[in-house]
Amino acid sequence: MVTKADERWDAIGDNPLVIVSTLKELMMEAREKWVDEVHDYMDDEDVLWVLNVTARMIAGEVPEPSKIALTLARLEAVSLKFRTQYSAYMSYKKGTTEANMRKNHYKELYTGIDRLVDALKYVIK
């Protein structure tokens, strides 16, 4: 039995350019869904900015060397904001399932940003 996926790949054949192009399209669609989902949940413009920067880097778009310093500064500032939000959800905003989920998101956001900043520092060296 031949599935629609089999028919699609048979039409493409073994052409690596077509395969890479198709995979890139699928990644872009997934990226947009991921960014929208997290942004809708967190409802924070800085979260949206960080997710867009990250998604572009996943797609291979690293900022130009002349813009990396500004990107690093903004990432560090946003990381500080997320650390503060994490602390808030660990203390005076604590007590609900929603607060616990947001706390976990902020923790992972600032941890990921810290690692991304370290990687970008390595790129400019």
PDB file of N, CA and C in Angstrom:
ATOM      1  N   MET A   1       0.838  -1.178   0.000  1.00  0.00           N
ATOM      2  CA  MET A   1       0.000   0.000   0.000  1.00  0.00           C
ATOM      3  C   MET A   1       0.887   1.247   0.000  1.00  0.00           C
ATOM      4  N   VAL A   2       0.623   2.149  -0.901  1.00  0.00           N
ATOM      5  CA  VAL A   2       1.407   3.378  -1.036  1.00  0.00           C
ATOM      6  C   VAL A   2       0.664   4.515  -0.342  1.00  0.00           C
ATOM      7  N   THR A   3       1.372   5.188   0.573  1.00  0.00           N
ATOM      8  CA  THR A   3       0.754   6.308   1.281  1.00  0.00           C
ATOM      9  C   THR A   3       1.033   7.605   0.539  1.00  0.00           C
ATOM     10  N   LYS A   4       0.358   8.681   0.969  1.00  0.00           N
ATOM     11  CA  LYS A   4       0.589   9.990   0.361  1.00  0.00           C
ATOM     12  C   LYS A   4       2.036  10.440   0.583  1.00  0.00           C
ATOM     13  N   ALA A   5       2.587  10.107   1.749  1.00  0.00           N
ATOM     14  CA  ALA A   5       3.983  10.459   2.018  1.00  0.00           C
ATOM     15  C   ALA A   5       4.910   9.734   1.049  1.00  0.00           C
ATOM     16  N   ASP A   6       4.628   8.460   0.791  1.00  0.00           N
ATOM     17  CA  ASP A   6       5.443   7.696  -0.156  1.00  0.00           C
ATOM     18  C   ASP A   6       5.366   8.309  -1.550  1.00  0.00           C
ATOM     19  N   GLU A   7       4.156   8.711  -1.948  1.00  0.00           N
ATOM     20  CA  GLU A   7       3.984   9.336  -3.263  1.00  0.00           C
ATOM     21  C   GLU A   7       4.780  10.635  -3.344  1.00  0.00           C
ATOM     22  N   ARG A   8       4.748  11.401  -2.276  1.00  0.00           N
ATOM     23  CA  ARG A   8       5.477  12.681  -2.245  1.00  0.00           C
ATOM     24  C   ARG A   8       6.975  12.447  -2.395  1.00  0.00           C
ATOM     25  N   TRP A   9       7.507  11.519  -1.615  1.00  0.00           N
ATOM     26  CA  TRP A   9       8.939  11.272  -1.675  1.00  0.00           C
ATOM     27  C   TRP A   9       9.341  10.620  -2.998  1.00  0.00           C
ATOM     28  N   ASP A  10       8.464   9.806  -3.589  1.00  0.00           N
ATOM     29  CA  ASP A  10       8.751   9.234  -4.905  1.00  0.00           C
ATOM     30  C   ASP A  10       8.833  10.335  -5.951  1.00  0.00           C
ATOM     31  N   ALA A  11       7.977  11.348  -5.823  1.00  0.00           N
ATOM     32  CA  ALA A  11       7.992  12.470  -6.767  1.00  0.00           C
ATOM     33  C   ALA A  11       9.270  13.294  -6.615  1.00  0.00           C
ATOM     34  N   ILE A  12       9.732  13.411  -5.385  1.00  0.00           N
ATOM     35  CA  ILE A  12      10.951  14.182  -5.123  1.00  0.00           C
ATOM     36  C   ILE A  12      12.180  13.414  -5.596  1.00  0.00           C
ATOM     37  N   GLY A  13      12.156  12.133  -5.375  1.00  0.00           N
ATOM     38  CA  GLY A  13      13.314  11.322  -5.713  1.00  0.00           C
ATOM     39  C   GLY A  13      14.413  11.526  -4.687  1.00  0.00           C
ATOM     40  N   ASP A  14      15.638  11.417  -5.111  1.00  0.00           N
ATOM     41  CA  ASP A  14      16.768  11.575  -4.203  1.00  0.00           C
ATOM     42  C   ASP A  14      17.445  12.931  -4.359  1.00  0.00           C
ATOM     43  N   ASN A  15      16.740  13.910  -4.858  1.00  0.00           N
ATOM     44  CA  ASN A  15      17.313  15.230  -5.056  1.00  0.00           C
ATOM     45  C   ASN A  15      17.494  15.920  -3.696  1.00  0.00           C
ATOM     46  N   PRO A  16      18.732  16.064  -3.216  1.00  0.00           N
ATOM     47  CA  PRO A  16      18.957  16.643  -1.892  1.00  0.00           C
ATOM     48  C   PRO A  16      18.507  18.106  -1.792  1.00  0.00           C
ATOM     49  N   LEU A  17      18.548  18.853  -2.880  1.00  0.00           N
ATOM     50  CA  LEU A  17      18.115  20.252  -2.824  1.00  0.00           C
ATOM     51  C   LEU A  17      16.619  20.348  -2.557  1.00  0.00           C
ATOM     52  N   VAL A  18      15.856  19.487  -3.176  1.00  0.00           N
ATOM     53  CA  VAL A  18      14.406  19.481  -2.954  1.00  0.00           C
ATOM     54  C   VAL A  18      14.102  19.007  -1.542  1.00  0.00           C
ATOM     55  N   ILE A  19      14.806  18.000  -1.088  1.00  0.00           N
ATOM     56  CA  ILE A  19      14.589  17.477   0.266  1.00  0.00           C
ATOM     57  C   ILE A  19      14.909  18.550   1.300  1.00  0.00           C
ATOM     58  N   VAL A  20      16.037  19.228   1.168  1.00  0.00           N
ATOM     59  CA  VAL A  20      16.424  20.280   2.108  1.00  0.00           C
ATOM     60  C   VAL A  20      15.416  21.415   2.074  1.00  0.00           C
ATOM     61  N   SER A  21      14.972  21.794   0.893  1.00  0.00           N
ATOM     62  CA  SER A  21      13.981  22.857   0.759  1.00  0.00           C
ATOM     63  C   SER A  21      12.681  22.482   1.463  1.00  0.00           C
ATOM     64  N   THR A  22      12.237  21.253   1.283  1.00  0.00           N
ATOM     65  CA  THR A  22      11.011  20.782   1.919  1.00  0.00           C
ATOM     66  C   THR A  22      11.159  20.773   3.435  1.00  0.00           C
ATOM     67  N   LEU A  23      12.295  20.287   3.911  1.00  0.00           N
ATOM     68  CA  LEU A  23      12.537  20.259   5.356  1.00  0.00           C
ATOM     69  C   LEU A  23      12.579  21.668   5.934  1.00  0.00           C
ATOM     70  N   LYS A  24      13.176  22.606   5.201  1.00  0.00           N
ATOM     71  CA  LYS A  24      13.253  23.989   5.666  1.00  0.00           C
ATOM     72  C   LYS A  24      11.851  24.600   5.786  1.00  0.00           C
ATOM     73  N   GLU A  25      10.993  24.308   4.805  1.00  0.00           N
ATOM     74  CA  GLU A  25       9.608  24.798   4.861  1.00  0.00           C
ATOM     75  C   GLU A  25       8.884  24.240   6.085  1.00  0.00           C
ATOM     76  N   LEU A  26       9.050  22.946   6.331  1.00  0.00           N
ATOM     77  CA  LEU A  26       8.410  22.325   7.483  1.00  0.00           C
ATOM     78  C   LEU A  26       8.917  22.919   8.793  1.00  0.00           C
ATOM     79  N   MET A  27      10.223  23.194   8.879  1.00  0.00           N
ATOM     80  CA  MET A  27      10.805  23.797  10.076  1.00  0.00           C
ATOM     81  C   MET A  27      10.267  25.205  10.302  1.00  0.00           C
ATOM     82  N   MET A  28      10.094  25.968   9.223  1.00  0.00           N
ATOM     83  CA  MET A  28       9.566  27.324   9.355  1.00  0.00           C
ATOM     84  C   MET A  28       8.131  27.283   9.886  1.00  0.00           C
ATOM     85  N   GLU A  29       7.324  26.357   9.381  1.00  0.00           N
ATOM     86  CA  GLU A  29       5.949  26.222   9.863  1.00  0.00           C
ATOM     87  C   GLU A  29       5.934  25.823  11.338  1.00  0.00           C
ATOM     88  N   ALA A  30       6.783  24.893  11.714  1.00  0.00           N
ATOM     89  CA  ALA A  30       6.856  24.450  13.101  1.00  0.00           C
ATOM     90  C   ALA A  30       7.334  25.587  14.000  1.00  0.00           C
ATOM     91  N   ARG A  31       8.307  26.364  13.508  1.00  0.00           N
ATOM     92  CA  ARG A  31       8.836  27.490  14.276  1.00  0.00           C
ATOM     93  C   ARG A  31       7.728  28.487  14.578  1.00  0.00           C
ATOM     94  N   GLU A  32       6.939  28.824  13.562  1.00  0.00           N
ATOM     95  CA  GLU A  32       5.871  29.799  13.755  1.00  0.00           C
ATOM     96  C   GLU A  32       4.839  29.297  14.758  1.00  0.00           C
ATOM     97  N   LYS A  33       4.489  28.023  14.686  1.00  0.00           N
ATOM     98  CA  LYS A  33       3.518  27.457  15.625  1.00  0.00           C
ATOM     99  C   LYS A  33       4.077  27.469  17.043  1.00  0.00           C
ATOM    100  N   TRP A  34       5.353  27.127  17.188  1.00  0.00           N
ATOM    101  CA  TRP A  34       6.008  27.089  18.504  1.00  0.00           C
ATOM    102  C   TRP A  34       6.032  28.480  19.119  1.00  0.00           C
ATOM    103  N   VAL A  35       6.457  29.464  18.341  1.00  0.00           N
ATOM    104  CA  VAL A  35       6.549  30.837  18.839  1.00  0.00           C
ATOM    105  C   VAL A  35       5.160  31.340  19.235  1.00  0.00           C
ATOM    106  N   ASP A  36       4.171  31.124  18.392  1.00  0.00           N
ATOM    107  CA  ASP A  36       2.814  31.591  18.685  1.00  0.00           C
ATOM    108  C   ASP A  36       2.246  30.928  19.940  1.00  0.00           C
ATOM    109  N   GLU A  37       2.461  29.642  20.079  1.00  0.00           N
ATOM    110  CA  GLU A  37       1.926  28.912  21.229  1.00  0.00           C
ATOM    111  C   GLU A  37       2.495  29.438  22.537  1.00  0.00           C
ATOM    112  N   VAL A  38       3.807  29.591  22.604  1.00  0.00           N
ATOM    113  CA  VAL A  38       4.430  30.065  23.845  1.00  0.00           C
ATOM    114  C   VAL A  38       4.074  31.532  24.094  1.00  0.00           C
ATOM    115  N   HIS A  39       4.056  32.335  23.031  1.00  0.00           N
ATOM    116  CA  HIS A  39       3.707  33.741  23.210  1.00  0.00           C
ATOM    117  C   HIS A  39       2.286  33.909  23.723  1.00  0.00           C
ATOM    118  N   ASP A  40       1.350  33.138  23.178  1.00  0.00           N
ATOM    119  CA  ASP A  40      -0.037  33.224  23.640  1.00  0.00           C
ATOM    120  C   ASP A  40      -0.151  32.852  25.117  1.00  0.00           C
ATOM    121  N   TYR A  41       0.606  31.856  25.536  1.00  0.00           N
ATOM    122  CA  TYR A  41       0.542  31.420  26.931  1.00  0.00           C
ATOM    123  C   TYR A  41       1.194  32.442  27.858  1.00  0.00           C
ATOM    124  N   MET A  42       2.388  32.900  27.528  1.00  0.00           N
ATOM    125  CA  MET A  42       3.127  33.788  28.419  1.00  0.00           C
ATOM    126  C   MET A  42       2.656  35.238  28.314  1.00  0.00           C
ATOM    127  N   ASP A  43       2.158  35.655  27.147  1.00  0.00           N
ATOM    128  CA  ASP A  43       1.655  37.012  26.925  1.00  0.00           C
ATOM    129  C   ASP A  43       2.686  38.062  27.365  1.00  0.00           C
ATOM    130  N   ASP A  44       3.887  37.969  26.815  1.00  0.00           N
ATOM    131  CA  ASP A  44       4.992  38.864  27.166  1.00  0.00           C
ATOM    132  C   ASP A  44       5.777  39.151  25.892  1.00  0.00           C
ATOM    133  N   GLU A  45       5.901  40.414  25.538  1.00  0.00           N
ATOM    134  CA  GLU A  45       6.583  40.785  24.292  1.00  0.00           C
ATOM    135  C   GLU A  45       8.057  40.373  24.296  1.00  0.00           C
ATOM    136  N   ASP A  46       8.696  40.385  25.463  1.00  0.00           N
ATOM    137  CA  ASP A  46      10.102  39.967  25.529  1.00  0.00           C
ATOM    138  C   ASP A  46      10.240  38.468  25.259  1.00  0.00           C
ATOM    139  N   VAL A  47       9.265  37.702  25.696  1.00  0.00           N
ATOM    140  CA  VAL A  47       9.271  36.262  25.387  1.00  0.00           C
ATOM    141  C   VAL A  47       9.180  36.072  23.877  1.00  0.00           C
ATOM    142  N   LEU A  48       8.288  36.833  23.242  1.00  0.00           N
ATOM    143  CA  LEU A  48       8.144  36.740  21.787  1.00  0.00           C
ATOM    144  C   LEU A  48       9.448  37.112  21.091  1.00  0.00           C
ATOM    145  N   TRP A  49      10.095  38.174  21.544  1.00  0.00           N
ATOM    146  CA  TRP A  49      11.355  38.603  20.928  1.00  0.00           C
ATOM    147  C   TRP A  49      12.416  37.512  21.051  1.00  0.00           C
ATOM    148  N   VAL A  50      12.572  36.965  22.253  1.00  0.00           N
ATOM    149  CA  VAL A  50      13.574  35.914  22.479  1.00  0.00           C
ATOM    150  C   VAL A  50      13.270  34.687  21.621  1.00  0.00           C
ATOM    151  N   LEU A  51      12.008  34.301  21.560  1.00  0.00           N
ATOM    152  CA  LEU A  51      11.650  33.129  20.756  1.00  0.00           C
ATOM    153  C   LEU A  51      11.918  33.365  19.279  1.00  0.00           C
ATOM    154  N   ASN A  52      11.649  34.562  18.799  1.00  0.00           N
ATOM    155  CA  ASN A  52      11.919  34.863  17.391  1.00  0.00           C
ATOM    156  C   ASN A  52      13.415  34.852  17.098  1.00  0.00           C
ATOM    157  N   VAL A  53      14.213  35.442  17.992  1.00  0.00           N
ATOM    158  CA  VAL A  53      15.672  35.423  17.813  1.00  0.00           C
ATOM    159  C   VAL A  53      16.170  33.980  17.801  1.00  0.00           C
ATOM    160  N   THR A  54      15.690  33.199  18.753  1.00  0.00           N
ATOM    161  CA  THR A  54      16.106  31.798  18.852  1.00  0.00           C
ATOM    162  C   THR A  54      15.690  31.006  17.622  1.00  0.00           C
ATOM    163  N   ALA A  55      14.460  31.190  17.196  1.00  0.00           N
ATOM    164  CA  ALA A  55      13.968  30.453  16.026  1.00  0.00           C
ATOM    165  C   ALA A  55      14.759  30.822  14.774  1.00  0.00           C
ATOM    166  N   ARG A  56      15.117  32.102  14.625  1.00  0.00           N
ATOM    167  CA  ARG A  56      15.925  32.498  13.467  1.00  0.00           C
ATOM    168  C   ARG A  56      17.306  31.852  13.530  1.00  0.00           C
ATOM    169  N   MET A  57      17.869  31.748  14.736  1.00  0.00           N
ATOM    170  CA  MET A  57      19.177  31.106  14.872  1.00  0.00           C
ATOM    171  C   MET A  57      19.084  29.614  14.584  1.00  0.00           C
ATOM    172  N   ILE A  58      17.985  28.995  14.987  1.00  0.00           N
ATOM    173  CA  ILE A  58      17.781  27.576  14.677  1.00  0.00           C
ATOM    174  C   ILE A  58      17.760  27.391  13.163  1.00  0.00           C
ATOM    175  N   ALA A  59      17.168  28.361  12.462  1.00  0.00           N
ATOM    176  CA  ALA A  59      17.092  28.299  11.001  1.00  0.00           C
ATOM    177  C   ALA A  59      18.410  28.689  10.333  1.00  0.00           C
ATOM    178  N   GLY A  60      19.429  29.064  11.129  1.00  0.00           N
ATOM    179  CA  GLY A  60      20.743  29.370  10.573  1.00  0.00           C
ATOM    180  C   GLY A  60      21.040  30.847  10.405  1.00  0.00           C
ATOM    181  N   GLU A  61      20.191  31.717  10.894  1.00  0.00           N
ATOM    182  CA  GLU A  61      20.398  33.156  10.767  1.00  0.00           C
ATOM    183  C   GLU A  61      21.043  33.729  12.031  1.00  0.00           C
ATOM    184  N   VAL A  62      22.340  33.640  12.143  1.00  0.00           N
ATOM    185  CA  VAL A  62      23.060  34.219  13.274  1.00  0.00           C
ATOM    186  C   VAL A  62      23.239  35.707  12.997  1.00  0.00           C
ATOM    187  N   PRO A  63      23.069  36.570  14.014  1.00  0.00           N
ATOM    188  CA  PRO A  63      23.229  38.009  13.777  1.00  0.00           C
ATOM    189  C   PRO A  63      24.623  38.346  13.227  1.00  0.00           C
ATOM    190  N   GLU A  64      24.683  39.415  12.471  1.00  0.00           N
ATOM    191  CA  GLU A  64      25.964  39.876  11.930  1.00  0.00           C
ATOM    192  C   GLU A  64      26.889  40.240  13.090  1.00  0.00           C
ATOM    193  N   PRO A  65      28.201  40.079  12.902  1.00  0.00           N
ATOM    194  CA  PRO A  65      29.137  40.396  13.989  1.00  0.00           C
ATOM    195  C   PRO A  65      28.961  41.809  14.551  1.00  0.00           C
ATOM    196  N   SER A  66      28.595  42.760  13.705  1.00  0.00           N
ATOM    197  CA  SER A  66      28.427  44.138  14.186  1.00  0.00           C
ATOM    198  C   SER A  66      27.186  44.287  15.074  1.00  0.00           C
ATOM    199  N   LYS A  67      26.242  43.349  14.989  1.00  0.00           N
ATOM    200  CA  LYS A  67      25.011  43.432  15.765  1.00  0.00           C
ATOM    201  C   LYS A  67      24.993  42.475  16.956  1.00  0.00           C
ATOM    202  N   ILE A  68      25.998  41.621  17.063  1.00  0.00           N
ATOM    203  CA  ILE A  68      25.999  40.629  18.137  1.00  0.00           C
ATOM    204  C   ILE A  68      26.099  41.296  19.504  1.00  0.00           C
ATOM    205  N   ALA A  69      26.916  42.340  19.640  1.00  0.00           N
ATOM    206  CA  ALA A  69      27.061  42.995  20.944  1.00  0.00           C
ATOM    207  C   ALA A  69      25.729  43.558  21.429  1.00  0.00           C
ATOM    208  N   LEU A  70      24.983  44.201  20.541  1.00  0.00           N
ATOM    209  CA  LEU A  70      23.668  44.739  20.908  1.00  0.00           C
ATOM    210  C   LEU A  70      22.698  43.606  21.254  1.00  0.00           C
ATOM    211  N   THR A  71      22.749  42.532  20.485  1.00  0.00           N
ATOM    212  CA  THR A  71      21.901  41.373  20.758  1.00  0.00           C
ATOM    213  C   THR A  71      22.250  40.781  22.120  1.00  0.00           C
ATOM    214  N   LEU A  72      23.540  40.674  22.424  1.00  0.00           N
ATOM    215  CA  LEU A  72      23.972  40.145  23.724  1.00  0.00           C
ATOM    216  C   LEU A  72      23.459  41.012  24.868  1.00  0.00           C
ATOM    217  N   ALA A  73      23.575  42.328  24.719  1.00  0.00           N
ATOM    218  CA  ALA A  73      23.117  43.235  25.773  1.00  0.00           C
ATOM    219  C   ALA A  73      21.615  43.087  26.006  1.00  0.00           C
ATOM    220  N   ARG A  74      20.860  43.017  24.933  1.00  0.00           N
ATOM    221  CA  ARG A  74      19.406  42.880  25.087  1.00  0.00           C
ATOM    222  C   ARG A  74      19.049  41.510  25.676  1.00  0.00           C
ATOM    223  N   LEU A  75      19.742  40.467  25.234  1.00  0.00           N
ATOM    224  CA  LEU A  75      19.490  39.143  25.804  1.00  0.00           C
ATOM    225  C   LEU A  75      19.769  39.116  27.302  1.00  0.00           C
ATOM    226  N   GLU A  76      20.860  39.751  27.718  1.00  0.00           N
ATOM    227  CA  GLU A  76      21.192  39.806  29.146  1.00  0.00           C
ATOM    228  C   GLU A  76      20.125  40.568  29.930  1.00  0.00           C
ATOM    229  N   ALA A  77      19.626  41.669  29.362  1.00  0.00           N
ATOM    230  CA  ALA A  77      18.585  42.450  30.027  1.00  0.00           C
ATOM    231  C   ALA A  77      17.297  41.637  30.174  1.00  0.00           C
ATOM    232  N   VAL A  78      16.931  40.945  29.120  1.00  0.00           N
ATOM    233  CA  VAL A  78      15.723  40.120  29.160  1.00  0.00           C
ATOM    234  C   VAL A  78      15.918  38.962  30.133  1.00  0.00           C
ATOM    235  N   SER A  79      17.123  38.413  30.177  1.00  0.00           N
ATOM    236  CA  SER A  79      17.415  37.333  31.113  1.00  0.00           C
ATOM    237  C   SER A  79      17.212  37.810  32.552  1.00  0.00           C
ATOM    238  N   LEU A  80      17.649  39.025  32.844  1.00  0.00           N
ATOM    239  CA  LEU A  80      17.451  39.593  34.183  1.00  0.00           C
ATOM    240  C   LEU A  80      15.956  39.714  34.493  1.00  0.00           C
ATOM    241  N   LYS A  81      15.190  40.184  33.527  1.00  0.00           N
ATOM    242  CA  LYS A  81      13.739  40.291  33.716  1.00  0.00           C
ATOM    243  C   LYS A  81      13.133  38.924  34.014  1.00  0.00           C
ATOM    244  N   PHE A  82      13.549  37.904  33.256  1.00  0.00           N
ATOM    245  CA  PHE A  82      12.989  36.568  33.448  1.00  0.00           C
ATOM    246  C   PHE A  82      13.413  35.979  34.795  1.00  0.00           C
ATOM    247  N   ARG A  83      14.635  36.280  35.240  1.00  0.00           N
ATOM    248  CA  ARG A  83      15.077  35.822  36.565  1.00  0.00           C
ATOM    249  C   ARG A  83      14.199  36.449  37.650  1.00  0.00           C
ATOM    250  N   THR A  84      13.896  37.727  37.479  1.00  0.00           N
ATOM    251  CA  THR A  84      13.051  38.428  38.440  1.00  0.00           C
ATOM    252  C   THR A  84      11.641  37.829  38.450  1.00  0.00           C
ATOM    253  N   GLN A  85      11.108  37.543  37.277  1.00  0.00           N
ATOM    254  CA  GLN A  85       9.786  36.920  37.188  1.00  0.00           C
ATOM    255  C   GLN A  85       9.808  35.539  37.845  1.00  0.00           C
ATOM    256  N   TYR A  86      10.875  34.786  37.601  1.00  0.00           N
ATOM    257  CA  TYR A  86      11.014  33.470  38.221  1.00  0.00           C
ATOM    258  C   TYR A  86      10.976  33.606  39.744  1.00  0.00           C
ATOM    259  N   SER A  87      11.734  34.563  40.268  1.00  0.00           N
ATOM    260  CA  SER A  87      11.762  34.780  41.727  1.00  0.00           C
ATOM    261  C   SER A  87      10.381  35.161  42.254  1.00  0.00           C
ATOM    262  N   ALA A  88       9.666  35.980  41.488  1.00  0.00           N
ATOM    263  CA  ALA A  88       8.318  36.383  41.905  1.00  0.00           C
ATOM    264  C   ALA A  88       7.406  35.167  42.009  1.00  0.00           C
ATOM    265  N   TYR A  89       7.491  34.278  41.027  1.00  0.00           N
ATOM    266  CA  TYR A  89       6.638  33.087  41.051  1.00  0.00           C
ATOM    267  C   TYR A  89       7.121  32.062  42.071  1.00  0.00           C
ATOM    268  N   MET A  90       8.334  32.233  42.582  1.00  0.00           N
ATOM    269  CA  MET A  90       8.832  31.379  43.662  1.00  0.00           C
ATOM    270  C   MET A  90       8.410  31.929  45.025  1.00  0.00           C
ATOM    271  N   SER A  91       7.986  33.197  45.069  1.00  0.00           N
ATOM    272  CA  SER A  91       7.656  33.792  46.369  1.00  0.00           C
ATOM    273  C   SER A  91       6.224  34.337  46.395  1.00  0.00           C
ATOM    274  N   TYR A  92       6.047  35.621  46.183  1.00  0.00           N
ATOM    275  CA  TYR A  92       4.742  36.234  46.423  1.00  0.00           C
ATOM    276  C   TYR A  92       3.666  35.904  45.393  1.00  0.00           C
ATOM    277  N   LYS A  93       4.011  35.387  44.211  1.00  0.00           N
ATOM    278  CA  LYS A  93       2.996  34.986  43.226  1.00  0.00           C
ATOM    279  C   LYS A  93       2.735  33.478  43.258  1.00  0.00           C
ATOM    280  N   LYS A  94       3.350  32.803  44.199  1.00  0.00           N
ATOM    281  CA  LYS A  94       3.300  31.348  44.287  1.00  0.00           C
ATOM    282  C   LYS A  94       1.948  30.877  44.822  1.00  0.00           C
ATOM    283  N   GLY A  95       1.607  29.635  44.481  1.00  0.00           N
ATOM    284  CA  GLY A  95       0.436  29.046  45.115  1.00  0.00           C
ATOM    285  C   GLY A  95      -0.587  28.437  44.183  1.00  0.00           C
ATOM    286  N   THR A  96      -0.466  28.676  42.889  1.00  0.00           N
ATOM    287  CA  THR A  96      -1.426  28.078  41.956  1.00  0.00           C
ATOM    288  C   THR A  96      -0.681  27.221  40.937  1.00  0.00           C
ATOM    289  N   THR A  97      -1.418  26.385  40.255  1.00  0.00           N
ATOM    290  CA  THR A  97      -0.826  25.567  39.191  1.00  0.00           C
ATOM    291  C   THR A  97      -0.310  26.469  38.080  1.00  0.00           C
ATOM    292  N   GLU A  98      -1.076  27.512  37.752  1.00  0.00           N
ATOM    293  CA  GLU A  98      -0.666  28.474  36.722  1.00  0.00           C
ATOM    294  C   GLU A  98       0.660  29.142  37.096  1.00  0.00           C
ATOM    295  N   ALA A  99       0.783  29.558  38.350  1.00  0.00           N
ATOM    296  CA  ALA A  99       2.017  30.201  38.817  1.00  0.00           C
ATOM    297  C   ALA A  99       3.193  29.232  38.717  1.00  0.00           C
ATOM    298  N   ASN A 100       2.967  27.985  39.058  1.00  0.00           N
ATOM    299  CA  ASN A 100       4.033  26.989  38.978  1.00  0.00           C
ATOM    300  C   ASN A 100       4.488  26.781  37.531  1.00  0.00           C
ATOM    301  N   MET A 101       3.529  26.744  36.598  1.00  0.00           N
ATOM    302  CA  MET A 101       3.883  26.561  35.183  1.00  0.00           C
ATOM    303  C   MET A 101       4.664  27.771  34.662  1.00  0.00           C
ATOM    304  N   ARG A 102       4.218  28.970  35.023  1.00  0.00           N
ATOM    305  CA  ARG A 102       4.930  30.177  34.578  1.00  0.00           C
ATOM    306  C   ARG A 102       6.336  30.225  35.167  1.00  0.00           C
ATOM    307  N   LYS A 103       6.456  29.859  36.444  1.00  0.00           N
ATOM    308  CA  LYS A 103       7.770  29.818  37.097  1.00  0.00           C
ATOM    309  C   LYS A 103       8.713  28.921  36.310  1.00  0.00           C
ATOM    310  N   ASN A 104       8.231  27.755  35.933  1.00  0.00           N
ATOM    311  CA  ASN A 104       9.064  26.814  35.182  1.00  0.00           C
ATOM    312  C   ASN A 104       9.453  27.376  33.822  1.00  0.00           C
ATOM    313  N   HIS A 105       8.530  28.058  33.146  1.00  0.00           N
ATOM    314  CA  HIS A 105       8.848  28.672  31.852  1.00  0.00           C
ATOM    315  C   HIS A 105       9.920  29.750  32.017  1.00  0.00           C
ATOM    316  N   TYR A 106       9.748  30.614  33.010  1.00  0.00           N
ATOM    317  CA  TYR A 106      10.747  31.679  33.210  1.00  0.00           C
ATOM    318  C   TYR A 106      12.113  31.106  33.560  1.00  0.00           C
ATOM    319  N   LYS A 107      12.139  30.051  34.346  1.00  0.00           N
ATOM    320  CA  LYS A 107      13.420  29.407  34.704  1.00  0.00           C
ATOM    321  C   LYS A 107      14.119  28.891  33.452  1.00  0.00           C
ATOM    322  N   GLU A 108      13.383  28.185  32.604  1.00  0.00           N
ATOM    323  CA  GLU A 108      13.985  27.652  31.388  1.00  0.00           C
ATOM    324  C   GLU A 108      14.360  28.757  30.409  1.00  0.00           C
ATOM    325  N   LEU A 109      13.571  29.819  30.371  1.00  0.00           N
ATOM    326  CA  LEU A 109      13.908  30.940  29.487  1.00  0.00           C
ATOM    327  C   LEU A 109      15.233  31.561  29.875  1.00  0.00           C
ATOM    328  N   TYR A 110      15.401  31.909  31.159  1.00  0.00           N
ATOM    329  CA  TYR A 110      16.654  32.569  31.516  1.00  0.00           C
ATOM    330  C   TYR A 110      17.843  31.623  31.455  1.00  0.00           C
ATOM    331  N   THR A 111      17.627  30.352  31.734  1.00  0.00           N
ATOM    332  CA  THR A 111      18.715  29.382  31.610  1.00  0.00           C
ATOM    333  C   THR A 111      19.140  29.244  30.147  1.00  0.00           C
ATOM    334  N   GLY A 112      18.164  29.138  29.263  1.00  0.00           N
ATOM    335  CA  GLY A 112      18.461  29.039  27.832  1.00  0.00           C
ATOM    336  C   GLY A 112      19.129  30.289  27.295  1.00  0.00           C
ATOM    337  N   ILE A 113      18.664  31.452  27.744  1.00  0.00           N
ATOM    338  CA  ILE A 113      19.273  32.712  27.301  1.00  0.00           C
ATOM    339  C   ILE A 113      20.729  32.763  27.741  1.00  0.00           C
ATOM    340  N   ASP A 114      21.010  32.357  28.972  1.00  0.00           N
ATOM    341  CA  ASP A 114      22.397  32.364  29.455  1.00  0.00           C
ATOM    342  C   ASP A 114      23.294  31.503  28.568  1.00  0.00           C
ATOM    343  N   ARG A 115      22.799  30.363  28.170  1.00  0.00           N
ATOM    344  CA  ARG A 115      23.589  29.471  27.303  1.00  0.00           C
ATOM    345  C   ARG A 115      23.732  30.053  25.900  1.00  0.00           C
ATOM    346  N   LEU A 116      22.674  30.679  25.415  1.00  0.00           N
ATOM    347  CA  LEU A 116      22.729  31.314  24.099  1.00  0.00           C
ATOM    348  C   LEU A 116      23.728  32.468  24.103  1.00  0.00           C
ATOM    349  N   VAL A 117      23.735  33.248  25.159  1.00  0.00           N
ATOM    350  CA  VAL A 117      24.692  34.353  25.286  1.00  0.00           C
ATOM    351  C   VAL A 117      26.118  33.810  25.279  1.00  0.00           C
ATOM    352  N   ASP A 118      26.350  32.744  26.021  1.00  0.00           N
ATOM    353  CA  ASP A 118      27.691  32.143  26.034  1.00  0.00           C
ATOM    354  C   ASP A 118      28.100  31.695  24.636  1.00  0.00           C
ATOM    355  N   ALA A 119      27.173  31.094  23.901  1.00  0.00           N
ATOM    356  CA  ALA A 119      27.475  30.627  22.540  1.00  0.00           C
ATOM    357  C   ALA A 119      27.773  31.807  21.619  1.00  0.00           C
ATOM    358  N   LEU A 120      27.006  32.886  21.740  1.00  0.00           N
ATOM    359  CA  LEU A 120      27.240  34.070  20.885  1.00  0.00           C
ATOM    360  C   LEU A 120      28.568  34.734  21.233  1.00  0.00           C
ATOM    361  N   LYS A 121      28.945  34.725  22.494  1.00  0.00           N
ATOM    362  CA  LYS A 121      30.251  35.273  22.882  1.00  0.00           C
ATOM    363  C   LYS A 121      31.367  34.463  22.215  1.00  0.00           C
ATOM    364  N   TYR A 122      31.173  33.169  22.149  1.00  0.00           N
ATOM    365  CA  TYR A 122      32.151  32.292  21.503  1.00  0.00           C
ATOM    366  C   TYR A 122      32.230  32.601  20.012  1.00  0.00           C
ATOM    367  N   VAL A 123      31.088  32.906  19.383  1.00  0.00           N
ATOM    368  CA  VAL A 123      31.053  33.207  17.948  1.00  0.00           C
ATOM    369  C   VAL A 123      31.863  34.458  17.626  1.00  0.00           C
ATOM    370  N   ILE A 124      31.808  35.483  18.500  1.00  0.00           N
ATOM    371  CA  ILE A 124      32.501  36.734  18.183  1.00  0.00           C
ATOM    372  C   ILE A 124      33.986  36.697  18.531  1.00  0.00           C
ATOM    373  N   LYS A 125      34.421  35.645  19.236  1.00  0.00           N
ATOM    374  CA  LYS A 125      35.863  35.551  19.557  1.00  0.00           C
ATOM    375  C   LYS A 125      36.674  35.105  18.373  1.00  0.00           C
TER     376      LYS A 125
END
